[in-house]
N, C-alpha and C. Protein backbone atom coordinates (compact mmCIF):
# COMPACT_ATOMS: atom_id res chain seq x y z
N MET A 1 -4.88 25.99 -26.17
CA MET A 1 -3.91 25.02 -25.65
C MET A 1 -4.56 24.17 -24.57
N SER A 2 -4.35 22.87 -24.62
CA SER A 2 -4.99 21.97 -23.66
C SER A 2 -4.39 22.15 -22.27
N VAL A 3 -5.20 21.89 -21.28
CA VAL A 3 -4.78 21.96 -19.88
C VAL A 3 -4.40 20.56 -19.43
N LYS A 4 -3.26 20.42 -18.77
CA LYS A 4 -2.83 19.12 -18.29
C LYS A 4 -3.42 18.85 -16.92
N VAL A 5 -4.01 17.69 -16.77
CA VAL A 5 -4.60 17.27 -15.50
C VAL A 5 -3.89 16.00 -15.05
N LYS A 6 -3.22 16.06 -13.91
CA LYS A 6 -2.60 14.88 -13.33
C LYS A 6 -3.52 14.33 -12.26
N VAL A 7 -3.78 13.04 -12.31
CA VAL A 7 -4.66 12.41 -11.34
C VAL A 7 -3.89 11.31 -10.61
N TYR A 8 -3.63 11.52 -9.32
CA TYR A 8 -2.97 10.51 -8.49
C TYR A 8 -4.06 9.60 -7.93
N SER A 9 -3.88 8.30 -8.12
CA SER A 9 -4.92 7.38 -7.68
C SER A 9 -4.36 5.98 -7.50
N ASP A 10 -5.19 5.13 -6.88
CA ASP A 10 -4.85 3.71 -6.75
C ASP A 10 -6.04 2.91 -7.25
N PHE A 11 -5.78 1.77 -7.86
CA PHE A 11 -6.84 0.96 -8.45
C PHE A 11 -7.82 0.40 -7.44
N VAL A 12 -7.42 0.30 -6.16
CA VAL A 12 -8.32 -0.24 -5.14
C VAL A 12 -9.01 0.85 -4.34
N CYS A 13 -8.88 2.09 -4.76
CA CYS A 13 -9.51 3.23 -4.10
C CYS A 13 -10.88 3.49 -4.74
N PRO A 14 -11.98 3.25 -4.03
CA PRO A 14 -13.30 3.43 -4.64
C PRO A 14 -13.59 4.86 -5.07
N PHE A 15 -13.15 5.84 -4.29
CA PHE A 15 -13.41 7.22 -4.67
C PHE A 15 -12.62 7.63 -5.91
N CYS A 16 -11.49 6.95 -6.15
CA CYS A 16 -10.74 7.20 -7.38
C CYS A 16 -11.56 6.75 -8.58
N PHE A 17 -12.21 5.60 -8.44
CA PHE A 17 -13.03 5.10 -9.54
C PHE A 17 -14.26 5.98 -9.74
N VAL A 18 -14.89 6.38 -8.65
CA VAL A 18 -16.04 7.28 -8.75
C VAL A 18 -15.62 8.58 -9.41
N GLY A 19 -14.43 9.07 -9.06
CA GLY A 19 -13.95 10.34 -9.60
C GLY A 19 -13.71 10.32 -11.10
N LYS A 20 -13.58 9.12 -11.68
CA LYS A 20 -13.44 9.02 -13.12
C LYS A 20 -14.67 9.52 -13.86
N GLY A 21 -15.85 9.33 -13.23
CA GLY A 21 -17.09 9.71 -13.89
C GLY A 21 -17.15 11.18 -14.24
N PRO A 22 -17.01 12.08 -13.25
CA PRO A 22 -16.99 13.51 -13.55
C PRO A 22 -15.86 13.92 -14.48
N LEU A 23 -14.70 13.30 -14.32
CA LEU A 23 -13.56 13.64 -15.18
C LEU A 23 -13.85 13.25 -16.63
N ASP A 24 -14.46 12.08 -16.82
CA ASP A 24 -14.81 11.66 -18.18
C ASP A 24 -15.80 12.62 -18.81
N GLU A 25 -16.73 13.13 -18.01
CA GLU A 25 -17.71 14.09 -18.53
C GLU A 25 -17.04 15.40 -18.93
N VAL A 26 -16.11 15.85 -18.10
CA VAL A 26 -15.40 17.09 -18.39
C VAL A 26 -14.57 16.95 -19.67
N MET A 27 -14.00 15.78 -19.87
CA MET A 27 -13.17 15.55 -21.05
C MET A 27 -13.96 15.72 -22.35
N LYS A 28 -15.26 15.51 -22.28
CA LYS A 28 -16.10 15.66 -23.47
C LYS A 28 -16.29 17.13 -23.84
N GLU A 29 -16.07 18.03 -22.86
CA GLU A 29 -16.38 19.44 -23.06
C GLU A 29 -15.16 20.35 -23.03
N LYS A 30 -14.08 19.88 -22.41
CA LYS A 30 -12.90 20.73 -22.24
C LYS A 30 -11.70 20.13 -22.97
N ASP A 31 -10.80 20.99 -23.38
CA ASP A 31 -9.57 20.55 -24.02
C ASP A 31 -8.54 20.26 -22.95
N ILE A 32 -8.51 19.01 -22.49
CA ILE A 32 -7.59 18.65 -21.42
C ILE A 32 -6.79 17.40 -21.79
N GLU A 33 -5.64 17.30 -21.18
CA GLU A 33 -4.77 16.13 -21.34
C GLU A 33 -4.62 15.49 -19.97
N VAL A 34 -5.18 14.29 -19.81
CA VAL A 34 -5.17 13.61 -18.51
C VAL A 34 -3.98 12.65 -18.43
N GLU A 35 -3.28 12.72 -17.31
CA GLU A 35 -2.19 11.78 -17.05
C GLU A 35 -2.47 11.12 -15.70
N TRP A 36 -2.68 9.82 -15.71
CA TRP A 36 -2.91 9.07 -14.47
C TRP A 36 -1.57 8.78 -13.79
N MET A 37 -1.50 9.09 -12.50
CA MET A 37 -0.25 8.96 -11.75
C MET A 37 -0.39 7.89 -10.68
N PRO A 38 0.61 7.01 -10.54
CA PRO A 38 0.51 5.92 -9.56
C PRO A 38 0.59 6.39 -8.12
N PHE A 39 -0.20 5.75 -7.27
CA PHE A 39 -0.13 5.95 -5.82
C PHE A 39 -0.64 4.68 -5.17
N GLU A 40 0.23 3.97 -4.46
CA GLU A 40 -0.17 2.73 -3.81
C GLU A 40 -0.59 3.01 -2.37
N LEU A 41 -1.86 2.77 -2.08
CA LEU A 41 -2.36 2.98 -0.73
C LEU A 41 -1.75 1.99 0.26
N ARG A 42 -1.59 0.76 -0.18
CA ARG A 42 -1.04 -0.29 0.68
C ARG A 42 0.07 -1.02 -0.06
N PRO A 43 1.27 -0.41 -0.14
CA PRO A 43 2.36 -1.06 -0.89
C PRO A 43 2.77 -2.37 -0.23
N SER A 44 3.12 -3.35 -1.06
CA SER A 44 3.68 -4.60 -0.54
C SER A 44 4.99 -4.28 0.19
N PRO A 45 5.26 -4.86 1.36
CA PRO A 45 4.54 -5.94 2.04
C PRO A 45 3.58 -5.47 3.14
N THR A 46 3.11 -4.23 3.09
CA THR A 46 2.11 -3.78 4.05
C THR A 46 0.93 -4.75 4.04
N PRO A 47 0.37 -5.10 5.19
CA PRO A 47 -0.77 -6.03 5.20
C PRO A 47 -1.89 -5.55 4.28
N LYS A 48 -2.45 -6.49 3.55
CA LYS A 48 -3.53 -6.15 2.64
C LYS A 48 -4.81 -5.78 3.39
N ILE A 49 -5.69 -5.06 2.70
CA ILE A 49 -7.02 -4.76 3.24
C ILE A 49 -7.93 -5.94 2.93
N ASP A 50 -8.71 -6.34 3.93
CA ASP A 50 -9.65 -7.44 3.76
C ASP A 50 -11.04 -6.96 4.16
N PRO A 51 -11.67 -6.12 3.31
CA PRO A 51 -12.90 -5.45 3.71
C PRO A 51 -14.04 -6.37 4.08
N TRP A 52 -14.13 -7.54 3.44
CA TRP A 52 -15.24 -8.43 3.73
C TRP A 52 -15.14 -9.08 5.10
N ASN A 53 -13.99 -8.98 5.74
CA ASN A 53 -13.82 -9.46 7.11
C ASN A 53 -13.71 -8.31 8.11
N GLU A 54 -14.04 -7.10 7.63
CA GLU A 54 -14.01 -5.91 8.49
C GLU A 54 -15.36 -5.21 8.38
N PRO A 55 -16.27 -5.48 9.32
CA PRO A 55 -17.63 -4.94 9.24
C PRO A 55 -17.69 -3.43 9.07
N ASP A 56 -16.74 -2.70 9.67
CA ASP A 56 -16.78 -1.24 9.56
C ASP A 56 -16.55 -0.78 8.12
N LYS A 57 -15.73 -1.53 7.37
CA LYS A 57 -15.48 -1.15 5.98
C LYS A 57 -16.69 -1.50 5.10
N VAL A 58 -17.32 -2.61 5.38
CA VAL A 58 -18.53 -2.96 4.63
C VAL A 58 -19.63 -1.94 4.93
N ASN A 59 -19.75 -1.56 6.19
CA ASN A 59 -20.74 -0.55 6.57
C ASN A 59 -20.45 0.78 5.89
N ALA A 60 -19.18 1.15 5.82
CA ALA A 60 -18.80 2.41 5.17
C ALA A 60 -19.15 2.36 3.68
N TRP A 61 -18.94 1.20 3.08
CA TRP A 61 -19.29 1.05 1.67
C TRP A 61 -20.79 1.27 1.47
N ASN A 62 -21.58 0.58 2.28
CA ASN A 62 -23.03 0.66 2.13
C ASN A 62 -23.59 2.04 2.48
N ALA A 63 -22.98 2.68 3.47
CA ALA A 63 -23.51 3.95 3.95
C ALA A 63 -23.03 5.16 3.15
N PHE A 64 -21.81 5.10 2.64
CA PHE A 64 -21.23 6.29 2.01
C PHE A 64 -20.78 6.07 0.57
N ILE A 65 -20.02 5.01 0.35
CA ILE A 65 -19.40 4.85 -0.96
C ILE A 65 -20.43 4.49 -2.03
N ALA A 66 -21.25 3.48 -1.77
CA ALA A 66 -22.26 3.07 -2.76
C ALA A 66 -23.23 4.20 -3.10
N PRO A 67 -23.76 4.92 -2.09
CA PRO A 67 -24.65 6.05 -2.42
C PRO A 67 -23.95 7.15 -3.21
N THR A 68 -22.68 7.39 -2.91
CA THR A 68 -21.94 8.42 -3.65
C THR A 68 -21.75 8.00 -5.10
N ALA A 69 -21.42 6.72 -5.31
CA ALA A 69 -21.27 6.22 -6.68
C ALA A 69 -22.58 6.38 -7.45
N LYS A 70 -23.68 6.06 -6.80
CA LYS A 70 -24.99 6.19 -7.45
C LYS A 70 -25.29 7.64 -7.80
N LYS A 71 -24.95 8.54 -6.88
CA LYS A 71 -25.16 9.97 -7.10
C LYS A 71 -24.39 10.47 -8.33
N PHE A 72 -23.19 9.94 -8.51
CA PHE A 72 -22.35 10.36 -9.63
C PHE A 72 -22.60 9.52 -10.89
N GLY A 73 -23.55 8.61 -10.81
CA GLY A 73 -23.90 7.80 -11.98
C GLY A 73 -22.86 6.77 -12.35
N VAL A 74 -22.13 6.28 -11.35
CA VAL A 74 -21.06 5.31 -11.59
C VAL A 74 -21.50 3.93 -11.12
N ASP A 75 -21.45 2.96 -11.99
CA ASP A 75 -21.81 1.58 -11.68
C ASP A 75 -20.60 0.88 -11.11
N MET A 76 -20.67 0.42 -9.84
CA MET A 76 -19.55 -0.26 -9.24
C MET A 76 -20.01 -1.15 -8.09
N VAL A 77 -19.17 -2.11 -7.73
CA VAL A 77 -19.46 -3.01 -6.63
C VAL A 77 -18.22 -3.09 -5.73
N LEU A 78 -18.43 -3.57 -4.50
CA LEU A 78 -17.31 -3.89 -3.63
C LEU A 78 -16.84 -5.29 -4.01
N PRO A 79 -15.68 -5.41 -4.64
CA PRO A 79 -15.24 -6.72 -5.15
C PRO A 79 -15.18 -7.78 -4.06
N ARG A 80 -15.79 -8.92 -4.36
CA ARG A 80 -15.85 -10.01 -3.39
C ARG A 80 -14.61 -10.88 -3.49
N MET A 81 -13.51 -10.33 -3.04
CA MET A 81 -12.29 -11.13 -2.92
C MET A 81 -11.62 -10.72 -1.62
N SER A 82 -11.08 -11.69 -0.94
CA SER A 82 -10.45 -11.42 0.35
C SER A 82 -9.07 -12.06 0.38
N PRO A 83 -8.05 -11.28 0.66
CA PRO A 83 -8.07 -9.81 0.78
C PRO A 83 -8.04 -9.16 -0.60
N HIS A 84 -8.14 -7.83 -0.60
CA HIS A 84 -8.02 -7.10 -1.86
C HIS A 84 -6.56 -7.09 -2.32
N PRO A 85 -6.33 -6.95 -3.61
CA PRO A 85 -4.98 -7.15 -4.18
C PRO A 85 -4.04 -5.98 -3.93
N TYR A 86 -2.74 -6.31 -3.98
CA TYR A 86 -1.74 -5.27 -4.14
C TYR A 86 -1.84 -4.75 -5.58
N THR A 87 -1.34 -3.55 -5.82
CA THR A 87 -1.49 -2.95 -7.15
C THR A 87 -0.18 -2.65 -7.85
N HIS A 88 0.96 -3.08 -7.28
CA HIS A 88 2.24 -2.72 -7.90
C HIS A 88 2.39 -3.31 -9.30
N LEU A 89 1.93 -4.54 -9.51
CA LEU A 89 2.06 -5.14 -10.84
C LEU A 89 1.16 -4.44 -11.86
N ALA A 90 -0.03 -4.04 -11.42
CA ALA A 90 -0.92 -3.31 -12.32
C ALA A 90 -0.28 -1.99 -12.74
N PHE A 91 0.38 -1.33 -11.81
CA PHE A 91 1.04 -0.07 -12.16
C PHE A 91 2.27 -0.29 -13.03
N GLU A 92 2.98 -1.38 -12.79
CA GLU A 92 4.10 -1.70 -13.69
C GLU A 92 3.57 -1.93 -15.10
N GLY A 93 2.41 -2.55 -15.18
CA GLY A 93 1.77 -2.72 -16.48
C GLY A 93 1.40 -1.39 -17.11
N CYS A 94 1.03 -0.44 -16.28
CA CYS A 94 0.70 0.90 -16.78
C CYS A 94 1.91 1.57 -17.43
N HIS A 95 3.08 1.36 -16.83
CA HIS A 95 4.29 1.96 -17.40
C HIS A 95 4.59 1.35 -18.78
N PHE A 96 4.39 0.05 -18.89
CA PHE A 96 4.55 -0.61 -20.19
C PHE A 96 3.55 -0.02 -21.18
N ALA A 97 2.29 0.08 -20.75
CA ALA A 97 1.23 0.59 -21.63
C ALA A 97 1.51 2.03 -22.06
N LYS A 98 2.00 2.83 -21.14
CA LYS A 98 2.30 4.23 -21.45
C LYS A 98 3.38 4.32 -22.52
N GLU A 99 4.40 3.48 -22.41
CA GLU A 99 5.48 3.49 -23.41
C GLU A 99 4.98 3.09 -24.79
N HIS A 100 3.86 2.38 -24.83
CA HIS A 100 3.31 1.90 -26.10
C HIS A 100 2.04 2.65 -26.49
N GLY A 101 1.85 3.84 -25.91
CA GLY A 101 0.76 4.71 -26.32
C GLY A 101 -0.62 4.30 -25.86
N LYS A 102 -0.68 3.41 -24.85
CA LYS A 102 -1.98 2.93 -24.37
C LYS A 102 -2.14 3.13 -22.86
N GLY A 103 -1.42 4.09 -22.30
CA GLY A 103 -1.41 4.26 -20.86
C GLY A 103 -2.78 4.49 -20.25
N ASN A 104 -3.50 5.48 -20.75
CA ASN A 104 -4.81 5.80 -20.20
C ASN A 104 -5.82 4.69 -20.46
N ALA A 105 -5.76 4.09 -21.63
CA ALA A 105 -6.70 3.01 -21.96
C ALA A 105 -6.51 1.82 -21.01
N PHE A 106 -5.26 1.46 -20.75
CA PHE A 106 -5.00 0.34 -19.85
C PHE A 106 -5.40 0.70 -18.42
N TYR A 107 -5.08 1.91 -18.00
CA TYR A 107 -5.41 2.36 -16.65
C TYR A 107 -6.91 2.23 -16.41
N GLU A 108 -7.70 2.72 -17.35
CA GLU A 108 -9.15 2.69 -17.19
C GLU A 108 -9.69 1.26 -17.25
N ARG A 109 -9.05 0.42 -18.07
CA ARG A 109 -9.51 -0.97 -18.16
C ARG A 109 -9.27 -1.72 -16.86
N VAL A 110 -8.14 -1.46 -16.21
CA VAL A 110 -7.87 -2.11 -14.92
C VAL A 110 -8.90 -1.67 -13.88
N PHE A 111 -9.22 -0.39 -13.87
CA PHE A 111 -10.24 0.13 -12.96
C PHE A 111 -11.56 -0.62 -13.11
N THR A 112 -12.05 -0.71 -14.34
CA THR A 112 -13.34 -1.35 -14.55
C THR A 112 -13.28 -2.84 -14.25
N ALA A 113 -12.13 -3.46 -14.53
CA ALA A 113 -11.97 -4.88 -14.25
C ALA A 113 -12.13 -5.16 -12.76
N PHE A 114 -11.63 -4.27 -11.93
CA PHE A 114 -11.70 -4.48 -10.48
C PHE A 114 -13.06 -4.11 -9.91
N PHE A 115 -13.50 -2.89 -10.18
CA PHE A 115 -14.70 -2.39 -9.51
C PHE A 115 -16.01 -2.73 -10.21
N GLN A 116 -15.96 -3.27 -11.41
CA GLN A 116 -17.20 -3.67 -12.08
C GLN A 116 -17.26 -5.17 -12.36
N GLU A 117 -16.10 -5.79 -12.58
CA GLU A 117 -16.07 -7.21 -12.95
C GLU A 117 -15.46 -8.09 -11.87
N GLU A 118 -14.95 -7.47 -10.80
CA GLU A 118 -14.39 -8.19 -9.65
C GLU A 118 -13.24 -9.12 -10.04
N GLN A 119 -12.42 -8.68 -11.00
CA GLN A 119 -11.26 -9.47 -11.39
C GLN A 119 -10.08 -9.17 -10.46
N ASN A 120 -9.25 -10.17 -10.25
CA ASN A 120 -8.09 -10.01 -9.38
C ASN A 120 -6.95 -9.36 -10.15
N ILE A 121 -6.79 -8.07 -9.97
CA ILE A 121 -5.81 -7.30 -10.75
C ILE A 121 -4.38 -7.42 -10.21
N GLU A 122 -4.17 -8.38 -9.32
CA GLU A 122 -2.81 -8.69 -8.89
C GLU A 122 -2.23 -9.85 -9.71
N GLU A 123 -3.09 -10.58 -10.41
CA GLU A 123 -2.65 -11.74 -11.17
C GLU A 123 -2.13 -11.33 -12.55
N ILE A 124 -0.95 -11.81 -12.88
CA ILE A 124 -0.31 -11.44 -14.14
C ILE A 124 -1.16 -11.86 -15.34
N ASP A 125 -1.76 -13.04 -15.28
CA ASP A 125 -2.57 -13.51 -16.41
C ASP A 125 -3.79 -12.60 -16.62
N VAL A 126 -4.39 -12.15 -15.53
CA VAL A 126 -5.53 -11.22 -15.64
C VAL A 126 -5.08 -9.91 -16.27
N LEU A 127 -3.98 -9.37 -15.79
CA LEU A 127 -3.48 -8.10 -16.32
C LEU A 127 -3.09 -8.23 -17.79
N THR A 128 -2.51 -9.38 -18.14
CA THR A 128 -2.13 -9.60 -19.54
C THR A 128 -3.36 -9.63 -20.44
N LYS A 129 -4.43 -10.25 -19.98
CA LYS A 129 -5.67 -10.29 -20.74
C LYS A 129 -6.22 -8.88 -20.94
N LEU A 130 -6.17 -8.07 -19.88
CA LEU A 130 -6.67 -6.70 -19.98
C LEU A 130 -5.80 -5.89 -20.94
N ALA A 131 -4.50 -6.11 -20.89
CA ALA A 131 -3.58 -5.41 -21.80
C ALA A 131 -3.90 -5.74 -23.24
N GLU A 132 -4.14 -7.02 -23.50
CA GLU A 132 -4.45 -7.44 -24.87
C GLU A 132 -5.76 -6.81 -25.34
N GLU A 133 -6.71 -6.65 -24.43
CA GLU A 133 -8.00 -6.07 -24.78
C GLU A 133 -7.89 -4.61 -25.24
N VAL A 134 -6.87 -3.90 -24.74
CA VAL A 134 -6.72 -2.50 -25.16
C VAL A 134 -5.71 -2.34 -26.30
N GLY A 135 -5.27 -3.48 -26.85
CA GLY A 135 -4.42 -3.41 -28.03
C GLY A 135 -2.94 -3.57 -27.79
N LEU A 136 -2.54 -4.01 -26.60
CA LEU A 136 -1.12 -4.23 -26.31
C LEU A 136 -0.73 -5.66 -26.67
N GLN A 137 0.56 -5.86 -26.96
CA GLN A 137 1.07 -7.17 -27.33
C GLN A 137 1.20 -8.01 -26.06
N ALA A 138 0.41 -9.07 -25.98
CA ALA A 138 0.27 -9.84 -24.74
C ALA A 138 1.59 -10.45 -24.27
N GLU A 139 2.33 -11.07 -25.18
CA GLU A 139 3.56 -11.77 -24.79
C GLU A 139 4.59 -10.81 -24.23
N ALA A 140 4.77 -9.67 -24.88
CA ALA A 140 5.74 -8.68 -24.41
C ALA A 140 5.30 -8.08 -23.08
N PHE A 141 4.00 -7.84 -22.94
CA PHE A 141 3.47 -7.29 -21.69
C PHE A 141 3.70 -8.26 -20.55
N LYS A 142 3.36 -9.52 -20.75
CA LYS A 142 3.53 -10.52 -19.69
C LYS A 142 4.99 -10.67 -19.30
N GLU A 143 5.88 -10.69 -20.27
CA GLU A 143 7.31 -10.80 -19.97
C GLU A 143 7.79 -9.63 -19.12
N ALA A 144 7.27 -8.43 -19.41
CA ALA A 144 7.66 -7.25 -18.64
C ALA A 144 7.25 -7.37 -17.18
N LEU A 145 6.09 -7.98 -16.94
CA LEU A 145 5.64 -8.14 -15.55
C LEU A 145 6.38 -9.27 -14.86
N VAL A 146 6.59 -10.38 -15.56
CA VAL A 146 7.29 -11.53 -14.96
C VAL A 146 8.72 -11.15 -14.58
N THR A 147 9.39 -10.40 -15.43
CA THR A 147 10.78 -10.03 -15.18
C THR A 147 10.90 -8.78 -14.31
N ARG A 148 9.76 -8.17 -13.98
CA ARG A 148 9.71 -6.93 -13.19
C ARG A 148 10.52 -5.81 -13.86
N LYS A 149 10.38 -5.72 -15.17
CA LYS A 149 11.12 -4.73 -15.96
C LYS A 149 10.88 -3.31 -15.48
N TYR A 150 9.68 -3.03 -15.00
CA TYR A 150 9.33 -1.66 -14.62
C TYR A 150 9.29 -1.46 -13.10
N LYS A 151 9.92 -2.38 -12.37
CA LYS A 151 9.93 -2.27 -10.91
C LYS A 151 10.56 -0.96 -10.46
N ASP A 152 11.71 -0.61 -11.01
CA ASP A 152 12.40 0.61 -10.61
C ASP A 152 11.66 1.86 -11.08
N VAL A 153 11.01 1.75 -12.24
CA VAL A 153 10.22 2.88 -12.75
C VAL A 153 9.06 3.16 -11.80
N GLN A 154 8.40 2.10 -11.33
CA GLN A 154 7.29 2.27 -10.40
C GLN A 154 7.78 2.80 -9.06
N ALA A 155 8.94 2.33 -8.61
CA ALA A 155 9.50 2.83 -7.34
C ALA A 155 9.78 4.33 -7.44
N ALA A 156 10.29 4.77 -8.58
CA ALA A 156 10.57 6.19 -8.78
C ALA A 156 9.26 6.99 -8.83
N ALA A 157 8.24 6.42 -9.44
CA ALA A 157 6.94 7.10 -9.52
C ALA A 157 6.33 7.26 -8.13
N LEU A 158 6.46 6.24 -7.28
CA LEU A 158 5.95 6.33 -5.92
C LEU A 158 6.74 7.34 -5.10
N LYS A 159 8.05 7.36 -5.28
CA LYS A 159 8.87 8.34 -4.57
C LYS A 159 8.44 9.75 -4.94
N HIS A 160 8.17 9.96 -6.22
CA HIS A 160 7.68 11.26 -6.66
C HIS A 160 6.37 11.61 -5.97
N ALA A 161 5.44 10.65 -5.96
CA ALA A 161 4.13 10.92 -5.37
C ALA A 161 4.23 11.20 -3.88
N TYR A 162 4.99 10.38 -3.17
CA TYR A 162 5.07 10.51 -1.72
C TYR A 162 5.93 11.69 -1.28
N GLU A 163 7.08 11.87 -1.92
CA GLU A 163 8.06 12.83 -1.42
C GLU A 163 8.09 14.15 -2.17
N GLU A 164 7.87 14.13 -3.47
CA GLU A 164 7.96 15.35 -4.27
C GLU A 164 6.59 16.03 -4.41
N ALA A 165 5.60 15.28 -4.87
CA ALA A 165 4.26 15.85 -5.00
C ALA A 165 3.56 15.92 -3.65
N ARG A 166 4.05 15.17 -2.67
CA ARG A 166 3.51 15.15 -1.30
C ARG A 166 2.02 14.78 -1.30
N ILE A 167 1.70 13.77 -2.05
CA ILE A 167 0.34 13.26 -2.07
C ILE A 167 0.11 12.43 -0.81
N THR A 168 -0.96 12.72 -0.09
CA THR A 168 -1.25 12.01 1.15
C THR A 168 -2.56 11.22 1.08
N ALA A 169 -3.37 11.48 0.08
CA ALA A 169 -4.64 10.77 -0.07
C ALA A 169 -5.04 10.81 -1.54
N VAL A 170 -5.88 9.85 -1.92
CA VAL A 170 -6.33 9.81 -3.31
C VAL A 170 -7.86 9.68 -3.36
N PRO A 171 -8.46 10.20 -4.44
CA PRO A 171 -7.81 10.82 -5.60
C PRO A 171 -7.31 12.22 -5.28
N THR A 172 -6.27 12.63 -5.97
CA THR A 172 -5.80 14.01 -5.95
C THR A 172 -5.62 14.46 -7.39
N PHE A 173 -6.26 15.58 -7.71
CA PHE A 173 -6.18 16.16 -9.06
C PHE A 173 -5.26 17.37 -9.01
N VAL A 174 -4.29 17.41 -9.88
CA VAL A 174 -3.42 18.58 -10.01
C VAL A 174 -3.72 19.21 -11.36
N ILE A 175 -4.27 20.43 -11.30
CA ILE A 175 -4.70 21.13 -12.50
C ILE A 175 -4.01 22.50 -12.50
N GLY A 176 -2.98 22.63 -13.31
CA GLY A 176 -2.19 23.85 -13.25
C GLY A 176 -1.55 23.98 -11.88
N ASP A 177 -1.79 25.11 -11.21
CA ASP A 177 -1.27 25.33 -9.87
C ASP A 177 -2.26 24.91 -8.80
N GLN A 178 -3.39 24.36 -9.20
CA GLN A 178 -4.42 24.00 -8.24
C GLN A 178 -4.33 22.53 -7.87
N VAL A 179 -4.63 22.24 -6.62
CA VAL A 179 -4.65 20.88 -6.12
C VAL A 179 -6.04 20.61 -5.53
N ILE A 180 -6.70 19.62 -6.08
CA ILE A 180 -8.02 19.22 -5.57
C ILE A 180 -7.84 17.84 -4.96
N GLN A 181 -7.90 17.78 -3.65
CA GLN A 181 -7.69 16.52 -2.95
C GLN A 181 -9.05 15.92 -2.59
N GLY A 182 -9.31 14.75 -3.13
CA GLY A 182 -10.58 14.10 -2.87
C GLY A 182 -11.51 14.15 -4.06
N LEU A 183 -12.64 13.50 -3.90
CA LEU A 183 -13.64 13.43 -4.96
C LEU A 183 -14.12 14.81 -5.34
N ALA A 184 -14.20 15.07 -6.65
CA ALA A 184 -14.62 16.39 -7.15
C ALA A 184 -15.72 16.23 -8.18
N SER A 185 -16.68 17.14 -8.15
CA SER A 185 -17.77 17.13 -9.11
C SER A 185 -17.29 17.61 -10.47
N LYS A 186 -18.12 17.37 -11.47
CA LYS A 186 -17.82 17.85 -12.81
C LYS A 186 -17.66 19.36 -12.80
N GLU A 187 -18.54 20.04 -12.06
CA GLU A 187 -18.49 21.50 -12.00
C GLU A 187 -17.21 22.01 -11.36
N ARG A 188 -16.77 21.32 -10.30
CA ARG A 188 -15.53 21.74 -9.62
C ARG A 188 -14.33 21.54 -10.53
N LEU A 189 -14.29 20.44 -11.23
CA LEU A 189 -13.18 20.19 -12.15
C LEU A 189 -13.18 21.20 -13.29
N ALA A 190 -14.37 21.47 -13.83
CA ALA A 190 -14.47 22.42 -14.93
C ALA A 190 -14.01 23.80 -14.49
N GLU A 191 -14.39 24.19 -13.28
CA GLU A 191 -13.97 25.49 -12.76
C GLU A 191 -12.46 25.56 -12.63
N ALA A 192 -11.86 24.48 -12.12
CA ALA A 192 -10.40 24.45 -11.96
C ALA A 192 -9.70 24.52 -13.31
N ILE A 193 -10.26 23.84 -14.28
CA ILE A 193 -9.67 23.86 -15.61
C ILE A 193 -9.75 25.26 -16.20
N ASP A 194 -10.91 25.93 -16.00
CA ASP A 194 -11.09 27.29 -16.51
C ASP A 194 -10.14 28.28 -15.81
N LYS A 195 -9.74 27.94 -14.60
CA LYS A 195 -8.86 28.83 -13.83
C LYS A 195 -7.52 28.14 -13.58
N ALA A 196 -7.02 27.49 -14.59
CA ALA A 196 -5.82 26.67 -14.43
C ALA A 196 -4.58 27.46 -14.01
N THR A 197 -4.61 28.75 -14.17
CA THR A 197 -3.44 29.54 -13.78
C THR A 197 -3.54 30.04 -12.34
N GLU A 198 -4.68 29.79 -11.71
CA GLU A 198 -4.85 30.23 -10.32
C GLU A 198 -4.41 29.14 -9.36
N LYS A 199 -4.15 29.51 -8.13
CA LYS A 199 -3.76 28.55 -7.11
C LYS A 199 -4.95 28.23 -6.24
N GLY A 200 -5.04 26.99 -5.74
CA GLY A 200 -6.14 26.63 -4.87
C GLY A 200 -5.96 25.24 -4.32
N SER A 201 -6.70 24.90 -3.33
CA SER A 201 -6.66 23.59 -2.72
C SER A 201 -8.02 23.27 -2.14
N THR A 202 -8.51 22.06 -2.48
CA THR A 202 -9.81 21.63 -2.00
C THR A 202 -9.72 20.20 -1.49
N THR A 203 -10.44 19.90 -0.44
CA THR A 203 -10.45 18.56 0.10
C THR A 203 -11.84 17.97 0.00
N GLY A 204 -11.93 16.71 -0.43
CA GLY A 204 -13.21 16.04 -0.54
C GLY A 204 -13.10 14.60 -0.06
N MET A 205 -14.07 13.75 -0.44
CA MET A 205 -14.04 12.35 -0.04
C MET A 205 -12.80 11.68 -0.61
N GLN A 206 -12.18 10.81 0.19
CA GLN A 206 -10.91 10.24 -0.22
C GLN A 206 -10.64 8.94 0.51
N CYS A 207 -9.59 8.24 0.10
CA CYS A 207 -9.08 7.07 0.82
C CYS A 207 -7.70 7.43 1.33
N ASP A 208 -7.42 7.11 2.61
CA ASP A 208 -6.10 7.44 3.15
C ASP A 208 -5.20 6.22 3.16
N ILE A 209 -3.97 6.40 3.58
CA ILE A 209 -2.98 5.33 3.48
C ILE A 209 -3.24 4.20 4.47
N ASP A 210 -4.19 4.37 5.39
CA ASP A 210 -4.57 3.31 6.31
C ASP A 210 -5.73 2.50 5.77
N GLY A 211 -6.16 2.81 4.55
CA GLY A 211 -7.24 2.05 3.95
C GLY A 211 -8.62 2.48 4.36
N ASN A 212 -8.72 3.65 4.99
CA ASN A 212 -10.03 4.15 5.40
C ASN A 212 -10.63 4.98 4.28
N CYS A 213 -11.89 4.69 3.94
CA CYS A 213 -12.57 5.40 2.87
C CYS A 213 -13.89 6.00 3.39
């Protein structure tokens, strides 16, 4: 029987994107079912993060994030857009994609669009193009975002993450009764999957709700 892995993350969290690498590797070897869960680090109207105008964040990228990505074999850049986007529309698009059987594919495409291609994932036209690339019907997808069809669904998902699951930082992996908070290696994830009935908690590299990574 496959093990369910819930991953709470935000599209603008670099460690969330780095964490995809080990998880993708584990998926090749283990029978797991991954469900990506929304978590907005900076929900609208909270002021956006503008890393290119904040030397400490650029320094943190160069000193910690970029070397960590290289260590994990993940190709990524600090997107050159100021400020960085809100992600509520991208997550609303995820809910549409999930209803149409493309949830994980769309989620991963948005990640690569931001951290590898520097696309503005707050723009509806950009998100619609990404949706079409993974096989979703572009017109219906765009209408869902324009009309905010999934606004309440996303609000409920955030309430779950903040209040019920009590997620305080991302990435957070929930594997059975175990909670792994922060970046995890392939070996750590595999161990948790093998011991999915055990309880545990681990903390690693993460992004907090103040935008510190």
